[in-house]
Amino acid sequence: MKASYVAIALCTVLVVMLATEEVSVAAVTCNPTELSSCANAISSNTAPSNLCCTKLNQQKPCLCQYLNNPNLKQFVNSPGARNVARACGVPFPRC
């Protein structure tokens, strides 16, 4: 009987964790201007700032959307952008 209470508690915790994760992903607003702090690092092949890496991590769920946009693809898919993503530890998306 005691084991079933533990199983129910663990399931409840798991459901809450998954629900919280979905909320945090859904809270991302895709806005390419959020990555403006990365422009210098992308264009001059310099190390990205902490702000750039933070913003890039926040916008990670949006990168495929940006790659599929003809106006943004050339910037997001550039060698400089790939270097910044690598330096920030953000895997380049496969869309």
C-alpha atoms as a PDB file:
ATOM      1  CA  MET A   1       0.000   0.000   0.000  1.00  0.00           C
ATOM      2  CA  LYS A   2       2.816   2.391   0.905  1.00  0.00           C
ATOM      3  CA  ALA A   3       4.557   1.732  -2.425  1.00  0.00           C
ATOM      4  CA  SER A   4       1.456   2.830  -4.342  1.00  0.00           C
ATOM      5  CA  TYR A   5       1.467   6.201  -2.545  1.00  0.00           C
ATOM      6  CA  VAL A   6       5.117   6.662  -3.500  1.00  0.00           C
ATOM      7  CA  ALA A   7       4.349   5.777  -7.130  1.00  0.00           C
ATOM      8  CA  ILE A   8       1.453   8.242  -7.202  1.00  0.00           C
ATOM      9  CA  ALA A   9       3.646  10.963  -5.698  1.00  0.00           C
ATOM     10  CA  LEU A  10       6.408  10.326  -8.244  1.00  0.00           C
ATOM     11  CA  CYS A  11       3.927  10.408 -11.118  1.00  0.00           C
ATOM     12  CA  THR A  12       2.510  13.683  -9.827  1.00  0.00           C
ATOM     13  CA  VAL A  13       5.983  15.229  -9.625  1.00  0.00           C
ATOM     14  CA  LEU A  14       6.764  14.029 -13.146  1.00  0.00           C
ATOM     15  CA  VAL A  15       3.554  15.525 -14.550  1.00  0.00           C
ATOM     16  CA  VAL A  16       4.263  18.854 -12.847  1.00  0.00           C
ATOM     17  CA  MET A  17       7.826  18.874 -14.208  1.00  0.00           C
ATOM     18  CA  LEU A  18       6.659  18.143 -17.743  1.00  0.00           C
ATOM     19  CA  ALA A  19       3.933  20.779 -17.542  1.00  0.00           C
ATOM     20  CA  THR A  20       6.450  23.338 -16.319  1.00  0.00           C
ATOM     21  CA  GLU A  21       8.833  22.480 -19.150  1.00  0.00           C
ATOM     22  CA  GLU A  22       6.106  22.979 -21.745  1.00  0.00           C
ATOM     23  CA  VAL A  23       5.220  26.359 -20.269  1.00  0.00           C
ATOM     24  CA  SER A  24       8.825  27.554 -20.386  1.00  0.00           C
ATOM     25  CA  VAL A  25       9.184  26.520 -24.039  1.00  0.00           C
ATOM     26  CA  ALA A  26       5.864  28.110 -24.957  1.00  0.00           C
ATOM     27  CA  ALA A  27       6.924  31.347 -23.279  1.00  0.00           C
ATOM     28  CA  VAL A  28       9.640  32.011 -25.893  1.00  0.00           C
ATOM     29  CA  THR A  29       8.743  34.856 -28.221  1.00  0.00           C
ATOM     30  CA  CYS A  30      10.542  34.434 -31.516  1.00  0.00           C
ATOM     31  CA  ASN A  31      12.065  37.789 -32.323  1.00  0.00           C
ATOM     32  CA  PRO A  32      15.242  37.887 -34.421  1.00  0.00           C
ATOM     33  CA  THR A  33      16.114  41.359 -33.116  1.00  0.00           C
ATOM     34  CA  GLU A  34      16.792  39.657 -29.767  1.00  0.00           C
ATOM     35  CA  LEU A  35      19.978  38.394 -31.421  1.00  0.00           C
ATOM     36  CA  SER A  36      21.272  41.882 -32.274  1.00  0.00           C
ATOM     37  CA  SER A  37      23.855  41.548 -29.496  1.00  0.00           C
ATOM     38  CA  CYS A  38      25.457  38.821 -31.633  1.00  0.00           C
ATOM     39  CA  ALA A  39      25.815  40.949 -34.787  1.00  0.00           C
ATOM     40  CA  ASN A  40      29.364  42.105 -34.071  1.00  0.00           C
ATOM     41  CA  ALA A  41      30.600  38.602 -33.259  1.00  0.00           C
ATOM     42  CA  ILE A  42      28.950  37.195 -36.383  1.00  0.00           C
ATOM     43  CA  SER A  43      30.298  39.840 -38.755  1.00  0.00           C
ATOM     44  CA  SER A  44      33.797  40.258 -37.326  1.00  0.00           C
ATOM     45  CA  ASN A  45      34.449  36.670 -36.239  1.00  0.00           C
ATOM     46  CA  THR A  46      35.144  37.718 -32.646  1.00  0.00           C
ATOM     47  CA  ALA A  47      34.149  35.959 -29.444  1.00  0.00           C
ATOM     48  CA  PRO A  48      30.467  36.425 -28.594  1.00  0.00           C
ATOM     49  CA  SER A  49      29.500  38.332 -25.462  1.00  0.00           C
ATOM     50  CA  ASN A  50      27.708  36.718 -22.539  1.00  0.00           C
ATOM     51  CA  LEU A  51      24.574  38.640 -23.525  1.00  0.00           C
ATOM     52  CA  CYS A  52      24.793  37.222 -27.048  1.00  0.00           C
ATOM     53  CA  CYS A  53      25.064  33.655 -25.745  1.00  0.00           C
ATOM     54  CA  THR A  54      22.189  34.199 -23.313  1.00  0.00           C
ATOM     55  CA  LYS A  55      19.947  35.559 -26.058  1.00  0.00           C
ATOM     56  CA  LEU A  56      20.976  32.802 -28.448  1.00  0.00           C
ATOM     57  CA  ASN A  57      20.069  30.166 -25.875  1.00  0.00           C
ATOM     58  CA  GLN A  58      16.711  31.862 -25.282  1.00  0.00           C
ATOM     59  CA  GLN A  59      15.994  31.979 -29.026  1.00  0.00           C
ATOM     60  CA  LYS A  60      17.154  28.399 -29.650  1.00  0.00           C
ATOM     61  CA  PRO A  61      13.584  27.107 -30.216  1.00  0.00           C
ATOM     62  CA  CYS A  62      13.192  29.752 -32.938  1.00  0.00           C
ATOM     63  CA  LEU A  63      16.285  29.001 -35.013  1.00  0.00           C
ATOM     64  CA  CYS A  64      14.505  26.708 -37.490  1.00  0.00           C
ATOM     65  CA  GLN A  65      11.865  29.372 -38.018  1.00  0.00           C
ATOM     66  CA  TYR A  66      14.638  31.863 -38.784  1.00  0.00           C
ATOM     67  CA  LEU A  67      16.369  29.405 -41.127  1.00  0.00           C
ATOM     68  CA  ASN A  68      13.123  28.926 -43.044  1.00  0.00           C
ATOM     69  CA  ASN A  69      12.693  32.681 -43.480  1.00  0.00           C
ATOM     70  CA  PRO A  70      14.335  33.739 -46.784  1.00  0.00           C
ATOM     71  CA  ASN A  71      15.154  37.171 -45.342  1.00  0.00           C
ATOM     72  CA  LEU A  72      16.999  35.722 -42.341  1.00  0.00           C
ATOM     73  CA  LYS A  73      18.452  32.488 -43.672  1.00  0.00           C
ATOM     74  CA  GLN A  74      21.619  34.068 -45.091  1.00  0.00           C
ATOM     75  CA  PHE A  75      22.488  35.523 -41.688  1.00  0.00           C
ATOM     76  CA  VAL A  76      21.550  32.535 -39.527  1.00  0.00           C
ATOM     77  CA  ASN A  77      23.247  30.065 -41.858  1.00  0.00           C
ATOM     78  CA  SER A  78      26.452  32.092 -42.285  1.00  0.00           C
ATOM     79  CA  PRO A  79      29.833  30.755 -41.140  1.00  0.00           C
ATOM     80  CA  GLY A  80      30.027  33.575 -38.567  1.00  0.00           C
ATOM     81  CA  ALA A  81      26.658  32.615 -37.068  1.00  0.00           C
ATOM     82  CA  ARG A  82      27.699  28.965 -36.916  1.00  0.00           C
ATOM     83  CA  ASN A  83      30.904  29.974 -35.117  1.00  0.00           C
ATOM     84  CA  VAL A  84      28.952  32.050 -32.602  1.00  0.00           C
ATOM     85  CA  ALA A  85      26.536  29.177 -31.970  1.00  0.00           C
ATOM     86  CA  ARG A  86      29.461  26.810 -31.442  1.00  0.00           C
ATOM     87  CA  ALA A  87      31.216  29.272 -29.099  1.00  0.00           C
ATOM     88  CA  CYS A  88      27.993  29.658 -27.098  1.00  0.00           C
ATOM     89  CA  GLY A  89      27.464  25.905 -26.891  1.00  0.00           C
ATOM     90  CA  VAL A  90      24.236  26.054 -28.892  1.00  0.00           C
ATOM     91  CA  PRO A  91      23.939  23.152 -31.337  1.00  0.00           C
ATOM     92  CA  PHE A  92      23.134  24.286 -34.857  1.00  0.00           C
ATOM     93  CA  PRO A  93      19.614  23.071 -35.674  1.00  0.00           C
ATOM     94  CA  ARG A  94      18.761  20.477 -38.246  1.00  0.00           C
ATOM     95  CA  CYS A  95      15.423  21.555 -39.605  1.00  0.00           C
END
